Structure formats: C-alpha cells, structure tokens
Amino acid sequence: MVSCPICGNAVSSLKINDHIDSNCQNFIGDEPSSSGDQPSSQKGNVPTFFQPASARKASTQAHAQQSPPSSRPDGPSPRTVSGKRSFTQEGQGRNDGSQDGGFVESQPKRPKMNAFHKAAPLAERVRPRTLDEVCGQELVGPNGVLRGLIEQDRVPSMILWGGAGMGKTTIARVISSIVGSRFIEVNSTSTGVAECKKIFSDARSELSLTGRKTIIFCDEVHRFSKTQQDVFLGPVESGQITLIGATTENPSFKLQSALLSRCRTFTLSKLTNDDVKSILLRAIEVEGPNYGPSPLVDDELIQYLSNFADGDARTSLNLLELAMDLSKRDGMTKEELKRSLTRTLVYDRAGDQHYDTISAFHKSIRGGDPDASLYYLARMIQSGEDPLFIARRLVVVASEDIGLADNTMLTLAMSTHSAVEKIGLPEARINLAHATVAMTLSKKSTRSYRGLNNAFAALDEPGIAGLPIPIHLRNAPTRLMKELGYGKEYKYNPNYVDGQVAQEYLPERLRGRMFLEDRDLGLRVDPDAKAQR
C-alpha cells in the first residue's frame, strides 16, 4: 500500500495510477489479491503505468462498475492512511441505521487542513471552486453570457474588468477547471517577453500532442508594457492560447487597441452588501470549525463587516478572519472588537472614504485652515494612503487654488513629490506637512483655473470648437503650405520693442472675447464670515 500524493488515502501500489485517473474516487484501500484466491488475475496485475491509455481507461471503467465496498455487509470499510473514513464513507455511515432502525446523526468534524491550506488566508481557503459558488456576478449566473460560453467549451480570450475583490481571479480559475485546459498564471510586472514566448511554445506543443489548450491568466494586465502586450497578439489571434486578463482600470485607456480587439471585454458588477454577507456566511460555514465557535461573531457583526467592505469580497473576508482571531482573546467584547477593526474599516483606499478624505484635505487647504489640513493629512497617512497620491494632489492644489498668487508653490509641490519618491514613509510625512501648511497659509488665486474653464465653456457653444485657425498663425513646414499663405504676415514678437505688435490671435468669430478675468478670486460675500469677525 502507498499513500496517494493527491488525496492522501492508502492505495495499492498496483492501482495507484488507476486511482489517480479516477479522480481519487476508486481503488481506495484495495489490497492486492493473493495468487490462491484469484490465480487468473496474475496476468493482469501489470502496473498501469506500462499499459496503453486505452487499457488504463478500460480498467478504470471496469472497476468503476463494481459495487462499492459498503454493499458488502460483512466486509470491513476501506482504511485510509489516517485511519479515518473518507468523506463518501462518512456519508454512508450516517445513513446506516442502528440496531433499532434509527437514524444516527454524526457530530460536526473539523475539516482536515494541510500545511499549505492552513497557511493561506481565509479569502484563498474559501475561494469558490464552481460557477454556482460565485456570488453576485450575473455573467456566470444561470443565464449568464459567459457561463453559456463556458458550458459550450467555447471560452474566448477575454478581459475581466472590475474592482478589487469582485471575483476576477476566481472566475478565471473556475473556467480552467471546467474546460480542463492547462492553466498558467503570469505576473504582469515580472514576466518578460522571453518567458512569454517560451510559454507560447509550450502551449503549441501541448496543443499538437494532446489537443489540450492553454489558458494564460494575467492579473492586472494593464500593467503590461506595449511590448509585452504586442507579443500576445499572434498567439491569441491564432487560438494557440486563451488569454484571460483581469484589470481594475478601464481597458479602453490602458490596453493596446490591437489586443483589445482580439479579446472580449466582460464587466463585472460591484457586489452588493447582501452578496458580501452571503460570502461571509459561507466562509463561516466552511471554515468556522477551524476557529471554534465565538458568540462575538454573530449576524450583527457579519452585517457590520458587509456594510464596510464596499463590495470587496477579499477585504470582507480578511476582516472576518481578523475578527475570528481577535474574538478568542480573554475579556474581548463586541464593542472592543469593533474598535479594533475601526482602523481598518474607517478608511478604505478604494471606497468613498478615500475620495471623501482627500476632498476634505484639498478644501481645507483652499479655505486656509491649517489645523483641518493637518488633521486630514494625518488621517490619510495613518490609514495607509499612498503618500504619492497625496503629493500629486498637492501639485494640483498649487496651480488650481494658489496659481498666480504665488508661483513658487508649484515648485514646492513638485519638490515634495520628488522627496516622497526618494525618501518614503515615515520621514516623507514631514515633507507633506511642510507643503500642506505652506499652501494653506499662502494667498490664493483661481484666475488661471477659471480662465481655462471659461475657454472650455466656449467650446460647448455651437461652431466654436471647429473655428479655423488664423492663416498667419498656421505652421508652414512645406513649400506648398507656404505657397498657400500659411504663416504669411506673421509678426515675430521678439523682433519688436517690448514684443508689442498689432496682431490678432483668436479666430475671427472670437475676437474681443475674454476668458482670463482680471481678478484672482470671486466677488461674492459670505454673510456668515462677516458675522464671525
């Protein structure tokens, strides 16, 4: 007897290949027959490794048609390596009646976990294995378009577009398991062109030798460079591989049009709170015995986590795992548990809090309130916001709100961005605070910003966006254009005193129109501000 490397059950060494070919369902615990019992079987006791594929298949089908071990009343149930019955045998044992014909209800057992399974986070351990387990995505629902293609074994190359934790990776892995294709995951940041070409070569060999296609899954496919994307064009178009790319960014802007035209784009729906709650309840049902019962992790807490997950199943499962671990502490109460999760929940880098906090930060600088500006800055840094995201917003503030009132603020903002890149947290928080306070206390001017908005507003008027450029302002790189009068009579300002010339720059229809106003700020008066003085 040997231990199956897949399921761990005890199997005869002569039947191990047949056992694996049957998806670990048959030949569990079968002892090799003695020569006295079955003399005619010696000829057939040839390891299936040395048999042709047709013989192995016939052998597997023959054994599958035999009656299960439980149909023999006097025979002992097959043994496993651990001495426990398999899942199928447990189900048979529960259905067997006792001596008085009653039903014997088994006690809930803790699921067996190997080292890799135990080390994986909860979100990975409860990842759906079938399309029916995927929650909240109509694409793979009973009448879903993508599900229909999968069931017909006509899976096209595709781009799965959706936010974090919506099931893009899960759907890709389920597709691979259903169609039985070779599945390869590549990293968009570390997989080079040479490695991709080797994968394509292996895929061609696999397809020609076995007829099995290869599915290549690339998470965050928008991070592929143009060269990396171009190398996929030929294999995808010829059907040598099936590419499944997942992205959180709009593929129309982030992917090459040539690659996008060869793939179908499927947009995943944002999970509702009820969808997230269903996922959490399933996780508790599957993995709850590994943590033990806790009165703190009840329906109220599940709803609490569902509301704050913002449609991100992975985030909700990570929070649930943390809650299960924290609930084991002595003296832990539900309120303390919620407070422990508050730091994680209060600020979601992909949800409304992300945008609300940076908006409050920007408006506090604009309003000249250094205390509020520093508060929101500290809140973002402590909650794990990307410091470069904050630095980029400061660059915007320097031109949008300070502008012509102090041109040096743009230089300060760019220097702050560079400092954050080179230094990083925690020291970079000092650079961010420096720029924040300086911009908050600086004079403000929206003159250039409002002037640009006035110009954009003019473009919305009928016929304005397509007005012809004055001929003396047009570029004349060729002789033909010069003969047509392009650039003729243009007065080069540096050739004149103080650069002053009589020359029109706007199209004729807009002459006399002013976009740049002569004031830095508006003219409205806030009565509440006067009352505070």
Protein backbone atom coordinates (compact mmCIF):
# COMPACT_ATOMS: atom_id res chain seq x y z
CA MET A 1 0.00 0.00 0.00
CA VAL A 2 1.16 3.52 -0.79
CA SER A 3 -0.19 6.95 0.08
CA CYS A 4 -1.83 8.86 -2.78
CA PRO A 5 0.10 12.12 -3.34
CA ILE A 6 -3.19 13.93 -4.08
CA CYS A 7 -5.81 12.77 -1.57
CA GLY A 8 -3.57 11.01 0.98
CA ASN A 9 -5.61 7.77 1.01
CA ALA A 10 -3.99 4.36 1.14
CA VAL A 11 -3.99 2.69 -2.28
CA SER A 12 -2.41 -0.45 -3.63
CA SER A 13 0.82 0.30 -5.47
CA LEU A 14 -0.59 -1.63 -8.44
CA LYS A 15 -3.69 0.56 -8.54
CA ILE A 16 -2.23 3.99 -7.85
CA ASN A 17 -2.40 5.13 -11.49
CA ASP A 18 -5.97 3.90 -11.90
CA HIS A 19 -6.84 5.63 -8.63
CA ILE A 20 -5.46 8.96 -9.88
CA ASP A 21 -7.13 8.50 -13.29
CA SER A 22 -10.48 8.12 -11.50
CA ASN A 23 -10.04 11.49 -9.76
CA CYS A 24 -9.21 9.71 -6.49
CA GLN A 25 -12.66 8.06 -6.32
CA ASN A 26 -11.88 4.35 -6.82
CA PHE A 27 -9.42 1.71 -5.58
CA ILE A 28 -9.12 3.25 -2.11
CA GLY A 29 -7.73 0.68 0.30
CA ASP A 30 -7.84 -2.17 -2.27
CA GLU A 31 -5.42 -4.90 -1.21
CA PRO A 32 -3.71 -6.88 -3.99
CA SER A 33 -5.35 -10.27 -4.47
CA SER A 34 -3.40 -13.36 -3.44
CA SER A 35 -2.48 -15.93 -6.02
CA GLY A 36 -4.60 -18.56 -4.30
CA ASP A 37 -7.77 -16.53 -4.40
CA GLN A 38 -7.56 -15.27 -7.97
CA PRO A 39 -4.98 -17.15 -9.98
CA SER A 40 -6.24 -15.69 -13.22
CA SER A 41 -5.51 -12.14 -12.12
CA GLN A 42 -1.75 -12.52 -12.08
CA LYS A 43 -1.57 -11.89 -15.76
CA GLY A 44 -3.46 -8.65 -15.42
CA ASN A 45 -1.50 -7.38 -12.43
CA VAL A 46 0.67 -5.15 -14.58
CA PRO A 47 1.17 -1.62 -13.31
CA THR A 48 -1.00 0.69 -15.37
CA PHE A 49 1.99 2.94 -15.96
CA PHE A 50 3.18 0.37 -18.54
CA GLN A 51 -0.26 -0.08 -20.11
CA PRO A 52 -1.51 1.92 -23.10
CA ALA A 53 -4.02 4.67 -22.46
CA SER A 54 -6.91 2.60 -23.85
CA ALA A 55 -6.13 -0.26 -21.48
CA ARG A 56 -5.94 2.06 -18.48
CA LYS A 57 -9.27 3.63 -19.44
CA ALA A 58 -10.92 0.22 -19.83
CA SER A 59 -9.52 -0.89 -16.48
CA THR A 60 -10.81 2.24 -14.80
CA GLN A 61 -14.30 1.79 -16.25
CA ALA A 62 -14.37 -1.86 -15.23
CA HIS A 63 -13.52 -1.09 -11.63
CA ALA A 64 -15.94 1.85 -11.55
CA GLN A 65 -18.80 -0.54 -12.42
CA GLN A 66 -18.05 -2.77 -9.44
CA SER A 67 -20.28 -2.44 -6.39
CA PRO A 68 -18.97 -0.08 -3.70
CA PRO A 69 -17.33 -1.59 -0.63
CA SER A 70 -20.27 -0.59 1.56
CA SER A 71 -22.56 -3.02 -0.35
CA ARG A 72 -20.72 -5.95 1.25
CA PRO A 73 -22.31 -6.38 4.70
CA ASP A 74 -19.50 -8.46 6.18
CA GLY A 75 -16.59 -6.65 4.61
CA PRO A 76 -14.67 -4.04 6.58
CA SER A 77 -14.72 -0.48 5.30
CA PRO A 78 -11.60 0.55 3.45
CA ARG A 79 -8.90 2.14 5.57
CA THR A 80 -7.16 5.40 4.88
CA VAL A 81 -3.70 6.50 5.91
CA SER A 82 -5.05 8.42 8.90
CA GLY A 83 -7.34 5.59 9.95
CA LYS A 84 -10.44 7.73 9.32
CA ARG A 85 -13.14 7.13 6.78
CA SER A 86 -13.27 9.16 3.62
CA PHE A 87 -16.00 11.72 3.00
CA THR A 88 -18.03 9.23 0.96
CA GLN A 89 -17.71 6.56 3.62
CA GLU A 90 -18.76 9.01 6.33
CA GLY A 91 -21.91 9.76 4.38
CA GLN A 92 -22.62 6.02 4.10
CA GLY A 93 -22.04 5.57 7.81
CA ARG A 94 -24.52 8.31 8.65
CA ASN A 95 -27.19 6.70 6.50
CA ASP A 96 -26.76 3.28 8.10
CA GLY A 97 -29.43 2.62 10.70
CA SER A 98 -28.64 1.50 14.22
CA GLN A 99 -29.93 -1.76 15.67
CA ASP A 100 -33.36 -0.27 16.31
CA GLY A 101 -33.54 1.22 12.82
CA GLY A 102 -32.99 4.82 13.99
CA PHE A 103 -31.00 7.47 12.17
CA VAL A 104 -27.52 8.11 13.54
CA GLU A 105 -26.60 11.80 13.25
CA SER A 106 -22.87 12.40 13.10
CA GLN A 107 -21.11 15.12 15.06
CA PRO A 108 -19.61 18.04 13.09
CA LYS A 109 -15.97 17.39 12.37
CA ARG A 110 -13.18 19.89 11.88
CA PRO A 111 -12.10 19.83 8.23
CA LYS A 112 -8.69 18.39 7.56
CA MET A 113 -6.14 21.04 6.57
CA ASN A 114 -2.72 20.53 5.08
CA ALA A 115 0.12 22.95 5.73
CA PHE A 116 -0.38 24.98 2.56
CA HIS A 117 -4.12 25.26 3.09
CA LYS A 118 -3.65 26.29 6.69
CA ALA A 119 -1.09 28.96 5.79
CA ALA A 120 -3.34 30.54 3.15
CA PRO A 121 -5.55 33.48 4.15
CA LEU A 122 -9.25 32.90 4.63
CA ALA A 123 -10.08 34.54 1.30
CA GLU A 124 -7.97 31.93 -0.50
CA ARG A 125 -9.25 28.96 1.52
CA VAL A 126 -12.90 29.67 0.75
CA ARG A 127 -12.37 30.70 -2.87
CA PRO A 128 -15.23 29.29 -4.99
CA ARG A 129 -14.45 26.15 -6.97
CA THR A 130 -17.56 26.11 -9.20
CA LEU A 131 -19.61 28.71 -11.04
CA ASP A 132 -22.56 28.06 -8.73
CA GLU A 133 -20.44 29.21 -5.79
CA VAL A 134 -19.54 32.53 -7.45
CA CYS A 135 -21.75 35.15 -5.84
CA GLY A 136 -23.11 38.39 -7.25
CA GLN A 137 -21.98 38.10 -10.89
CA GLU A 138 -24.75 37.65 -13.45
CA LEU A 139 -22.17 36.91 -16.14
CA VAL A 140 -21.66 33.44 -14.68
CA GLY A 141 -25.18 33.05 -13.30
CA PRO A 142 -27.69 30.50 -14.62
CA ASN A 143 -28.47 32.66 -17.68
CA GLY A 144 -25.15 34.45 -17.91
CA VAL A 145 -23.46 35.04 -21.25
CA LEU A 146 -20.06 33.94 -20.02
CA ARG A 147 -21.48 30.84 -18.37
CA GLY A 148 -23.07 29.79 -21.65
CA LEU A 149 -19.74 30.06 -23.45
CA ILE A 150 -18.02 28.06 -20.71
CA GLU A 151 -20.58 25.26 -20.77
CA GLN A 152 -20.26 25.03 -24.56
CA ASP A 153 -16.47 24.84 -24.21
CA ARG A 154 -16.10 27.94 -26.37
CA VAL A 155 -14.13 30.11 -24.00
CA PRO A 156 -12.74 33.12 -25.89
CA SER A 157 -9.82 35.30 -24.94
CA MET A 158 -11.27 37.90 -22.64
CA ILE A 159 -10.65 40.87 -20.38
CA LEU A 160 -12.41 40.81 -17.00
CA TRP A 161 -12.88 44.39 -15.86
CA GLY A 162 -13.98 45.17 -12.33
CA GLY A 163 -12.94 46.49 -8.95
CA ALA A 164 -10.87 44.68 -6.36
CA GLY A 165 -12.43 41.64 -4.72
CA MET A 166 -15.20 41.13 -7.29
CA GLY A 167 -14.12 37.65 -8.40
CA LYS A 168 -11.96 38.15 -11.49
CA THR A 169 -9.25 35.68 -10.45
CA THR A 170 -11.83 33.23 -9.11
CA ILE A 171 -13.78 33.17 -12.37
CA ALA A 172 -10.59 32.59 -14.37
CA ARG A 173 -9.58 29.61 -12.21
CA VAL A 174 -13.07 28.11 -12.30
CA ILE A 175 -13.11 28.40 -16.09
CA SER A 176 -9.84 26.49 -16.30
CA SER A 177 -11.08 23.69 -14.05
CA ILE A 178 -14.32 23.29 -16.01
CA VAL A 179 -12.86 23.16 -19.52
CA GLY A 180 -9.88 21.07 -18.41
CA SER A 181 -7.31 23.31 -20.02
CA ARG A 182 -3.73 23.80 -18.91
CA PHE A 183 -3.76 26.85 -16.65
CA ILE A 184 -0.83 29.24 -16.26
CA GLU A 185 -0.77 32.42 -14.20
CA VAL A 186 1.73 35.11 -15.18
CA ASN A 187 2.78 38.24 -13.35
CA SER A 188 2.40 41.41 -15.38
CA THR A 189 5.32 43.10 -13.63
CA SER A 190 7.89 40.29 -13.67
CA THR A 191 7.08 38.16 -16.72
CA GLY A 192 9.26 39.25 -19.61
CA VAL A 193 8.86 38.81 -23.35
CA ALA A 194 11.27 35.84 -23.46
CA GLU A 195 9.32 33.99 -20.78
CA CYS A 196 6.05 34.69 -22.58
CA LYS A 197 7.45 33.26 -25.83
CA LYS A 198 8.53 30.10 -24.01
CA ILE A 199 5.02 29.72 -22.61
CA PHE A 200 3.59 30.09 -26.13
CA SER A 201 5.99 27.44 -27.44
CA ASP A 202 4.97 25.02 -24.69
CA ALA A 203 1.32 25.77 -25.42
CA ARG A 204 1.78 24.90 -29.10
CA SER A 205 3.44 21.61 -28.16
CA GLU A 206 0.68 20.81 -25.67
CA LEU A 207 -2.00 21.55 -28.26
CA SER A 208 -0.38 19.46 -31.01
CA LEU A 209 0.45 16.47 -28.79
CA THR A 210 -2.60 16.23 -26.52
CA GLY A 211 -5.17 18.55 -28.08
CA ARG A 212 -5.41 20.45 -24.80
CA LYS A 213 -5.44 24.23 -24.97
CA THR A 214 -3.61 26.52 -22.59
CA ILE A 215 -5.27 29.32 -20.64
CA ILE A 216 -2.94 32.12 -19.59
CA PHE A 217 -4.28 34.26 -16.79
CA CYS A 218 -2.73 37.66 -16.16
CA ASP A 219 -3.90 39.69 -13.20
CA GLU A 220 -3.52 43.47 -13.52
CA VAL A 221 -2.98 43.02 -17.25
CA HIS A 222 -2.98 46.81 -17.72
CA ARG A 223 0.50 46.84 -16.16
CA PHE A 224 1.87 45.02 -19.21
CA SER A 225 4.09 47.25 -21.33
CA LYS A 226 3.30 47.82 -25.00
CA THR A 227 5.99 45.31 -25.98
CA GLN A 228 4.57 42.68 -23.63
CA GLN A 229 1.06 43.23 -24.98
CA ASP A 230 2.23 43.03 -28.60
CA VAL A 231 3.82 39.62 -28.08
CA PHE A 232 0.36 38.19 -27.24
CA LEU A 233 -1.25 39.33 -30.50
CA GLY A 234 -0.20 36.38 -32.69
CA PRO A 235 -0.88 33.51 -30.25
CA VAL A 236 -4.24 34.99 -29.22
CA GLU A 237 -5.38 35.60 -32.80
CA SER A 238 -4.35 32.10 -33.95
CA GLY A 239 -6.04 30.44 -30.98
CA GLN A 240 -2.85 28.81 -29.70
CA ILE A 241 -3.64 30.23 -26.26
CA THR A 242 -6.64 31.66 -24.48
CA LEU A 243 -5.78 34.87 -22.67
CA ILE A 244 -7.80 35.88 -19.64
CA GLY A 245 -6.73 39.29 -18.40
CA ALA A 246 -8.02 40.92 -15.24
CA THR A 247 -7.88 44.64 -14.67
CA THR A 248 -9.27 47.27 -12.34
CA GLU A 249 -8.60 50.02 -14.89
CA ASN A 250 -10.65 50.96 -17.93
CA PRO A 251 -9.25 48.67 -20.66
CA SER A 252 -10.09 51.22 -23.35
CA PHE A 253 -7.41 53.51 -21.94
CA LYS A 254 -4.91 51.03 -20.53
CA LEU A 255 -4.72 48.27 -23.16
CA GLN A 256 -3.50 48.35 -26.74
CA SER A 257 -6.39 48.55 -29.19
CA ALA A 258 -4.90 45.66 -31.19
CA LEU A 259 -5.00 43.35 -28.17
CA LEU A 260 -8.38 44.64 -27.04
CA SER A 261 -9.89 43.90 -30.45
CA ARG A 262 -8.82 40.25 -30.14
CA CYS A 263 -10.46 39.82 -26.73
CA ARG A 264 -13.99 40.12 -25.43
CA THR A 265 -14.43 42.51 -22.53
CA PHE A 266 -16.70 41.46 -19.67
CA THR A 267 -17.56 43.99 -16.98
CA LEU A 268 -18.07 42.57 -13.50
CA SER A 269 -20.74 44.05 -11.25
CA LYS A 270 -19.96 45.58 -7.90
CA LEU A 271 -21.02 43.24 -5.10
CA THR A 272 -23.95 44.39 -3.00
CA ASN A 273 -23.97 44.23 0.79
CA ASP A 274 -26.20 41.16 0.59
CA ASP A 275 -23.73 39.48 -1.76
CA VAL A 276 -20.86 40.16 0.63
CA LYS A 277 -22.93 38.89 3.56
CA SER A 278 -23.64 35.64 1.71
CA ILE A 279 -19.92 35.21 1.08
CA LEU A 280 -19.12 35.76 4.77
CA LEU A 281 -21.80 33.31 5.92
CA ARG A 282 -20.45 30.67 3.53
CA ALA A 283 -16.94 31.27 4.87
CA ILE A 284 -18.15 30.73 8.44
CA GLU A 285 -19.93 27.54 7.40
CA VAL A 286 -16.84 26.17 5.67
CA GLU A 287 -14.04 27.39 7.93
CA GLY A 288 -15.85 28.07 11.19
CA PRO A 289 -14.86 24.73 12.81
CA ASN A 290 -11.18 25.63 12.38
CA TYR A 291 -11.64 28.71 14.55
CA GLY A 292 -14.12 27.43 17.07
CA PRO A 293 -17.46 28.99 17.99
CA SER A 294 -17.48 32.61 19.15
CA PRO A 295 -20.55 34.48 20.40
CA LEU A 296 -18.98 37.74 19.22
CA VAL A 297 -19.03 36.74 15.56
CA ASP A 298 -22.79 36.87 15.13
CA ASP A 299 -25.18 38.12 12.49
CA GLU A 300 -24.82 41.71 13.67
CA LEU A 301 -21.04 41.67 13.20
CA ILE A 302 -21.42 39.97 9.82
CA GLN A 303 -23.74 42.75 8.69
CA TYR A 304 -21.31 45.31 10.11
CA LEU A 305 -18.46 43.89 8.05
CA SER A 306 -20.61 43.60 4.93
CA ASN A 307 -21.53 47.27 5.03
CA PHE A 308 -17.92 48.43 5.35
CA ALA A 309 -16.45 46.12 2.72
CA ASP A 310 -17.71 48.38 -0.08
CA GLY A 311 -18.31 45.45 -2.41
CA ASP A 312 -14.84 43.95 -1.92
CA ALA A 313 -15.19 40.28 -1.00
CA ARG A 314 -11.48 39.89 -0.26
CA THR A 315 -11.50 42.80 2.18
CA SER A 316 -14.57 41.47 3.96
CA LEU A 317 -13.03 38.00 4.34
CA ASN A 318 -9.77 39.46 5.65
CA LEU A 319 -11.73 41.44 8.23
CA LEU A 320 -13.73 38.35 9.18
CA GLU A 321 -10.54 36.35 9.69
CA LEU A 322 -9.15 39.12 11.88
CA ALA A 323 -12.40 39.26 13.86
CA MET A 324 -12.33 35.49 14.44
CA ASP A 325 -8.77 35.67 15.74
CA LEU A 326 -9.42 38.68 17.98
CA SER A 327 -12.60 37.15 19.40
CA LYS A 328 -10.50 34.44 21.09
CA ARG A 329 -8.84 36.93 23.42
CA ASP A 330 -9.90 36.81 27.05
CA GLY A 331 -12.29 39.57 28.03
CA MET A 332 -12.90 40.69 24.46
CA THR A 333 -16.28 42.34 23.97
CA LYS A 334 -18.11 43.14 20.77
CA GLU A 335 -17.52 46.87 21.18
CA GLU A 336 -13.80 46.33 21.72
CA LEU A 337 -13.74 44.04 18.72
CA LYS A 338 -15.34 46.72 16.56
CA ARG A 339 -12.90 49.31 17.85
CA SER A 340 -10.01 47.00 16.98
CA LEU A 341 -11.33 46.79 13.43
CA THR A 342 -12.06 50.53 13.21
CA ARG A 343 -8.64 51.50 11.93
CA THR A 344 -9.03 49.06 9.07
CA LEU A 345 -12.63 49.95 8.37
CA VAL A 346 -12.65 53.73 8.74
CA TYR A 347 -10.55 54.36 5.65
CA ASP A 348 -10.98 52.35 2.50
CA ARG A 349 -8.44 53.27 -0.18
CA ALA A 350 -10.82 52.15 -2.91
CA GLY A 351 -14.13 53.32 -1.43
CA ASP A 352 -15.94 56.53 -0.59
CA GLN A 353 -13.69 57.33 2.39
CA HIS A 354 -10.73 57.50 0.02
CA TYR A 355 -12.31 60.27 -2.03
CA ASP A 356 -14.10 61.99 0.85
CA THR A 357 -10.92 62.41 2.88
CA ILE A 358 -8.76 63.72 0.04
CA SER A 359 -11.60 66.09 -0.87
CA ALA A 360 -11.75 67.42 2.69
CA PHE A 361 -7.95 67.79 2.68
CA HIS A 362 -8.00 69.80 -0.56
CA LYS A 363 -10.84 72.06 0.56
CA SER A 364 -9.18 72.73 3.92
CA ILE A 365 -6.06 74.00 2.12
CA ARG A 366 -8.24 76.09 -0.17
CA GLY A 367 -10.07 77.53 2.83
CA GLY A 368 -6.85 78.43 4.65
CA ASP A 369 -7.46 76.19 7.70
CA PRO A 370 -4.07 74.65 8.64
CA ASP A 371 -5.49 72.65 11.55
CA ALA A 372 -8.05 70.87 9.40
CA SER A 373 -5.47 70.34 6.65
CA LEU A 374 -3.04 68.66 9.06
CA TYR A 375 -5.82 66.55 10.58
CA TYR A 376 -6.88 65.08 7.25
CA LEU A 377 -3.25 64.62 6.22
CA ALA A 378 -2.51 62.64 9.39
CA ARG A 379 -5.69 60.63 8.95
CA MET A 380 -4.74 59.58 5.43
CA ILE A 381 -1.15 58.69 6.35
CA GLN A 382 -2.17 56.66 9.40
CA SER A 383 -4.78 54.76 7.41
CA GLY A 384 -2.26 53.64 4.81
CA GLU A 385 -2.94 56.03 1.94
CA ASP A 386 -0.31 56.13 -0.78
CA PRO A 387 1.85 59.20 0.05
CA LEU A 388 2.45 59.81 -3.65
CA PHE A 389 -1.30 60.14 -4.13
CA ILE A 390 -1.29 62.95 -1.54
CA ALA A 391 1.75 64.57 -3.15
CA ARG A 392 0.08 64.54 -6.56
CA ARG A 393 -2.95 66.29 -5.10
CA LEU A 394 -0.67 68.99 -3.68
CA VAL A 395 0.68 69.60 -7.18
CA VAL A 396 -2.90 70.14 -8.35
CA VAL A 397 -3.64 72.48 -5.42
CA ALA A 398 -0.58 74.58 -6.23
CA SER A 399 -1.94 75.50 -9.66
CA GLU A 400 -5.69 75.28 -9.12
CA ASP A 401 -6.06 77.25 -5.88
CA ILE A 402 -2.84 79.24 -5.42
CA GLY A 403 -1.85 79.76 -9.02
CA LEU A 404 -0.73 83.27 -9.92
CA ALA A 405 -0.81 84.46 -6.29
CA ASP A 406 2.42 82.55 -5.58
CA ASN A 407 4.09 80.77 -8.48
CA THR A 408 6.71 79.23 -6.17
CA MET A 409 4.12 76.88 -4.67
CA LEU A 410 4.15 74.73 -7.80
CA THR A 411 7.92 74.31 -7.44
CA LEU A 412 7.44 73.40 -3.77
CA ALA A 413 4.77 70.85 -4.67
CA MET A 414 6.98 69.20 -7.30
CA SER A 415 9.89 69.11 -4.87
CA THR A 416 7.62 67.50 -2.28
CA HIS A 417 6.58 64.82 -4.77
CA SER A 418 10.24 64.12 -5.55
CA ALA A 419 11.10 63.96 -1.83
CA VAL A 420 8.30 61.49 -1.14
CA GLU A 421 9.53 59.29 -4.00
CA LYS A 422 13.13 59.28 -2.77
CA ILE A 423 12.62 59.18 1.00
CA GLY A 424 9.35 57.34 1.56
CA LEU A 425 7.45 56.97 4.79
CA PRO A 426 7.71 57.59 7.67
CA GLU A 427 10.06 60.57 7.11
CA ALA A 428 8.20 61.74 3.99
CA ARG A 429 5.25 62.71 6.16
CA ILE A 430 7.33 65.74 7.25
CA ASN A 431 7.73 66.88 3.65
CA LEU A 432 4.00 66.50 3.11
CA ALA A 433 3.24 68.53 6.23
CA HIS A 434 5.65 71.28 5.12
CA ALA A 435 3.99 71.68 1.74
CA THR A 436 0.50 71.37 3.21
CA VAL A 437 0.97 74.18 5.74
CA ALA A 438 2.78 76.43 3.25
CA MET A 439 -0.02 76.10 0.71
CA THR A 440 -2.72 76.54 3.33
CA LEU A 441 -1.22 79.84 4.54
CA SER A 442 -0.42 81.10 1.04
CA LYS A 443 -2.53 83.65 -0.82
CA LYS A 444 -4.98 82.12 -3.25
CA SER A 445 -5.77 82.84 -6.89
CA THR A 446 -8.01 80.86 -9.21
CA ARG A 447 -7.54 83.28 -12.07
CA SER A 448 -5.82 80.87 -14.47
CA TYR A 449 -8.05 77.97 -13.43
CA ARG A 450 -11.26 79.95 -14.02
CA GLY A 451 -9.89 81.29 -17.30
CA LEU A 452 -9.36 77.74 -18.54
CA ASN A 453 -12.89 76.80 -17.52
CA ASN A 454 -14.23 79.81 -19.44
CA ALA A 455 -12.39 78.60 -22.55
CA PHE A 456 -13.83 75.11 -22.15
CA ALA A 457 -17.29 76.59 -21.76
CA ALA A 458 -16.86 78.43 -25.06
CA LEU A 459 -16.08 75.16 -26.83
CA ASP A 460 -19.54 73.89 -25.90
CA GLU A 461 -21.12 76.66 -27.95
CA PRO A 462 -22.23 75.69 -31.48
CA GLY A 463 -19.47 76.01 -34.08
CA ILE A 464 -16.81 77.31 -31.70
CA ALA A 465 -14.73 74.13 -31.38
CA GLY A 466 -14.11 73.92 -35.13
CA LEU A 467 -13.29 77.54 -35.93
CA PRO A 468 -10.45 77.85 -38.48
CA ILE A 469 -7.04 78.88 -37.17
CA PRO A 470 -6.00 82.33 -38.47
CA ILE A 471 -3.82 81.72 -41.52
CA HIS A 472 -0.92 83.84 -40.28
CA LEU A 473 -0.67 81.61 -37.16
CA ARG A 474 -0.57 78.31 -39.03
CA ASN A 475 2.54 76.18 -39.31
CA ALA A 476 4.18 76.05 -42.74
CA PRO A 477 6.69 73.15 -42.83
CA THR A 478 6.35 72.53 -46.60
CA ARG A 479 6.68 74.70 -49.68
CA LEU A 480 3.09 74.01 -50.68
CA MET A 481 1.83 75.35 -47.37
CA LYS A 482 3.95 78.45 -47.75
CA GLU A 483 2.53 78.98 -51.24
CA LEU A 484 -0.94 78.72 -49.73
CA GLY A 485 -0.10 81.59 -47.40
CA TYR A 486 0.39 79.64 -44.18
CA GLY A 487 2.32 81.78 -41.70
CA LYS A 488 2.45 84.76 -44.04
CA GLU A 489 2.41 88.21 -42.44
CA TYR A 490 3.07 86.73 -39.01
CA LYS A 491 4.93 89.22 -36.82
CA TYR A 492 7.63 87.62 -34.66
CA ASN A 493 7.21 89.43 -31.33
CA PRO A 494 10.85 89.26 -30.13
CA ASN A 495 11.85 91.38 -33.12
CA TYR A 496 9.81 94.31 -31.86
CA VAL A 497 10.25 96.75 -28.95
CA ASP A 498 8.86 95.17 -25.79
CA GLY A 499 7.41 92.49 -28.05
CA GLN A 500 4.42 94.69 -28.78
CA VAL A 501 2.77 94.23 -32.18
CA ALA A 502 -0.69 94.75 -33.63
CA GLN A 503 -1.75 91.17 -34.33
CA GLU A 504 -4.86 89.03 -33.83
CA TYR A 505 -4.54 85.59 -32.27
CA LEU A 506 -8.11 84.40 -31.76
CA PRO A 507 -10.27 83.16 -34.64
CA GLU A 508 -12.26 85.96 -36.21
CA ARG A 509 -15.53 84.93 -34.57
CA LEU A 510 -13.99 85.11 -31.08
CA ARG A 511 -12.15 88.39 -31.44
CA GLY A 512 -12.79 90.58 -28.42
CA ARG A 513 -13.84 87.60 -26.29
CA MET A 514 -12.13 87.49 -22.85
CA PHE A 515 -11.52 84.26 -21.00
CA LEU A 516 -8.99 85.40 -18.38
CA GLU A 517 -10.63 87.57 -15.76
CA ASP A 518 -8.84 90.48 -14.11
CA ARG A 519 -9.35 89.31 -10.53
CA ASP A 520 -7.84 86.48 -8.50
CA LEU A 521 -10.97 85.46 -6.61
CA GLY A 522 -14.72 85.88 -6.83
CA LEU A 523 -16.95 88.79 -5.83
CA ARG A 524 -19.50 87.07 -3.59
CA VAL A 525 -19.66 87.94 0.12
CA ASP A 526 -20.46 85.30 2.74
CA PRO A 527 -22.65 86.85 5.47
CA ASP A 528 -21.66 84.08 7.89
CA ALA A 529 -17.99 85.04 7.52
CA LYS A 530 -18.77 88.67 8.39
CA ALA A 531 -20.67 87.56 11.47
CA GLN A 532 -17.65 85.58 12.73
CA ARG A 533 -15.34 88.60 12.67
